[in-house]
Amino acid sequence: MTPDETLAHVQTVSATQRANSPIYAHLLADVTITAATEGHLLATIRIAQPHINSKGGLHGTMSACLVDWAAGMVIATYGGSYTGVSTDLHVSYVASAREGETLEVTGRAMKVGGTMAYVSVEICKVVPDETGGGEKRVVVATGLHTKFVKQR
């Protein structure tokens, strides 16, 4: 598939998942997939009220949800609509983020085989760079996700 075809395919898979999953529909309603090539995904989402915890920071559940979702979308970059079944999910919480900030989610396949897939995900907040007027990324969470991908 061309990069444009891969992007369109992954956007369709994501839309289908949101339509069929109440939690994805609720938490990921505003996610935007900006790039997708085989084994790689880039998406953004603006932090809204449902994404924050009682202290006003990004809820850990939201970070874990983004790792789970992004890993599935990375698997979808290989052309199928099957995104696997979670067998292991590990999230490291590095920093916080607040309502109104934008998150950039990057997923990368480490290996997608016939039975298992291994994906890494990095979640960064996009903040102004005080030194030059541009933007910088601050890591908020990282994740490793293993998924069973063998279909019957």
Protein backbone atom coordinates (compact mmCIF):
# COMPACT_ATOMS: atom_id res chain seq x y z
CA MET A 1 0.00 0.00 0.00
CA THR A 2 1.11 3.57 -0.59
CA PRO A 3 1.46 5.87 2.45
CA ASP A 4 -1.85 7.56 1.55
CA GLU A 5 -3.60 4.18 1.23
CA THR A 6 -2.13 3.01 4.55
CA LEU A 7 -3.27 6.20 6.28
CA ALA A 8 -6.80 5.88 4.87
CA HIS A 9 -6.94 2.21 5.84
CA VAL A 10 -5.84 2.84 9.43
CA GLN A 11 -8.28 5.75 9.76
CA THR A 12 -11.08 3.42 8.66
CA VAL A 13 -10.03 0.70 11.12
CA SER A 14 -9.90 3.28 13.92
CA ALA A 15 -13.33 4.68 13.05
CA THR A 16 -14.79 1.16 13.04
CA GLN A 17 -13.26 0.42 16.44
CA ARG A 18 -14.63 3.65 17.90
CA ALA A 19 -18.08 2.80 16.54
CA ASN A 20 -17.95 -0.66 18.14
CA SER A 21 -16.24 0.19 21.44
CA PRO A 22 -17.97 2.47 23.96
CA ILE A 23 -14.71 3.22 25.79
CA TYR A 24 -12.84 4.11 22.59
CA ALA A 25 -15.83 6.17 21.44
CA HIS A 26 -15.78 8.09 24.72
CA LEU A 27 -12.04 8.60 25.22
CA LEU A 28 -10.82 8.73 21.62
CA ALA A 29 -13.62 10.67 19.91
CA ASP A 30 -11.21 13.47 18.98
CA VAL A 31 -8.10 11.48 18.10
CA THR A 32 -6.59 12.36 14.71
CA ILE A 33 -4.30 9.96 12.88
CA THR A 34 -1.87 12.23 11.06
CA ALA A 35 0.48 9.65 9.52
CA ALA A 36 0.63 5.90 9.06
CA THR A 37 3.15 3.80 7.20
CA GLU A 38 3.87 0.10 7.62
CA GLY A 39 4.94 -0.36 11.22
CA HIS A 40 4.53 3.29 12.22
CA LEU A 41 1.71 5.53 13.43
CA LEU A 42 1.48 9.19 14.40
CA ALA A 43 -1.66 10.63 16.01
CA THR A 44 -2.73 13.62 18.07
CA ILE A 45 -5.43 14.28 20.62
CA ARG A 46 -6.28 17.34 22.69
CA ILE A 47 -6.74 16.58 26.38
CA ALA A 48 -10.33 17.18 27.43
CA GLN A 49 -12.24 16.86 30.71
CA PRO A 50 -12.91 13.09 30.37
CA HIS A 51 -9.14 12.48 30.11
CA ILE A 52 -8.11 14.04 33.42
CA ASN A 53 -7.89 12.71 36.96
CA SER A 54 -9.12 14.29 40.20
CA LYS A 55 -5.92 16.37 40.45
CA GLY A 56 -6.40 17.89 36.98
CA GLY A 57 -3.67 15.88 35.25
CA LEU A 58 -3.83 13.30 32.48
CA HIS A 59 -5.39 10.15 33.92
CA GLY A 60 -3.25 7.02 33.83
CA THR A 61 -6.16 5.14 32.33
CA MET A 62 -6.10 7.50 29.36
CA SER A 63 -2.40 6.89 28.81
CA ALA A 64 -2.94 3.12 28.96
CA CYS A 65 -5.88 3.44 26.56
CA LEU A 66 -3.70 5.36 24.10
CA VAL A 67 -0.98 2.70 24.28
CA ASP A 68 -3.54 -0.06 23.67
CA TRP A 69 -5.23 1.77 20.80
CA ALA A 70 -2.00 2.92 19.12
CA ALA A 71 -0.53 -0.59 19.22
CA GLY A 72 -3.60 -1.94 17.45
CA MET A 73 -3.41 0.79 14.83
CA VAL A 74 0.29 0.01 14.22
CA ILE A 75 -0.71 -3.60 13.56
CA ALA A 76 -3.40 -2.33 11.15
CA THR A 77 -0.70 -0.53 9.13
CA TYR A 78 0.18 -3.96 7.72
CA GLY A 79 -3.12 -3.97 5.82
CA GLY A 80 -5.53 -6.03 7.88
CA SER A 81 -8.43 -4.95 10.04
CA TYR A 82 -7.56 -7.35 12.87
CA THR A 83 -5.62 -5.47 15.55
CA GLY A 84 -4.84 -8.34 17.91
CA VAL A 85 -5.67 -9.31 21.47
CA SER A 86 -3.67 -7.87 24.34
CA THR A 87 -1.40 -10.26 26.20
CA ASP A 88 0.81 -7.74 28.00
CA LEU A 89 0.64 -3.98 28.46
CA HIS A 90 3.28 -1.96 30.26
CA VAL A 91 3.06 1.80 30.76
CA SER A 92 5.70 4.06 32.33
CA TYR A 93 4.33 7.39 33.51
CA VAL A 94 7.04 10.00 33.04
CA ALA A 95 5.35 13.42 33.36
CA SER A 96 1.93 14.97 33.58
CA ALA A 97 -0.21 16.88 31.11
CA ARG A 98 -3.22 19.15 31.60
CA GLU A 99 -6.59 19.74 30.00
CA GLY A 100 -6.23 21.75 26.80
CA GLU A 101 -2.75 20.47 25.97
CA THR A 102 -2.18 18.42 22.84
CA LEU A 103 -0.71 14.95 22.97
CA GLU A 104 1.28 13.39 20.15
CA VAL A 105 1.16 9.60 20.08
CA THR A 106 3.83 7.68 18.18
CA GLY A 107 3.61 3.93 17.73
CA ARG A 108 6.33 1.73 16.25
CA ALA A 109 6.30 -1.98 15.51
CA MET A 110 9.26 -3.78 17.00
CA LYS A 111 8.07 -7.05 15.44
CA VAL A 112 4.81 -8.22 13.92
CA GLY A 113 4.94 -11.96 13.34
CA GLY A 114 2.48 -14.71 12.56
CA THR A 115 1.42 -15.14 16.17
CA MET A 116 2.62 -12.18 18.26
CA ALA A 117 3.17 -8.47 17.73
CA TYR A 118 5.41 -6.22 19.83
CA VAL A 119 4.81 -2.48 19.68
CA SER A 120 6.33 0.51 21.47
CA VAL A 121 4.34 3.70 22.02
CA GLU A 122 5.48 7.14 23.11
CA ILE A 123 3.04 9.79 24.30
CA CYS A 124 4.36 13.36 24.33
CA LYS A 125 2.75 16.68 25.07
CA VAL A 126 3.42 19.42 22.54
CA VAL A 127 4.53 22.60 24.28
CA PRO A 128 5.96 25.94 23.13
CA ASP A 129 9.74 26.06 22.90
CA GLU A 130 10.77 29.09 24.95
CA THR A 131 14.09 29.44 23.09
CA GLY A 132 12.94 29.82 19.51
CA GLY A 133 9.21 30.22 19.25
CA GLY A 134 8.66 26.70 17.89
CA GLU A 135 7.36 23.61 19.61
CA LYS A 136 9.00 20.85 21.59
CA ARG A 137 7.82 17.46 22.76
CA VAL A 138 7.86 16.42 26.41
CA VAL A 139 7.47 12.70 27.07
CA VAL A 140 4.42 12.03 29.24
CA ALA A 141 4.30 8.23 29.05
CA THR A 142 5.87 5.32 27.21
CA GLY A 143 4.40 1.91 26.65
CA LEU A 144 5.23 -1.55 25.46
CA HIS A 145 2.37 -3.68 24.23
CA THR A 146 2.36 -7.33 23.22
CA LYS A 147 -0.60 -8.61 21.22
CA PHE A 148 -1.64 -12.03 19.99
CA VAL A 149 -2.28 -11.60 16.26
CA LYS A 150 -2.80 -15.10 14.89
CA GLN A 151 -6.25 -15.34 13.38
CA ARG A 152 -8.26 -18.56 13.20
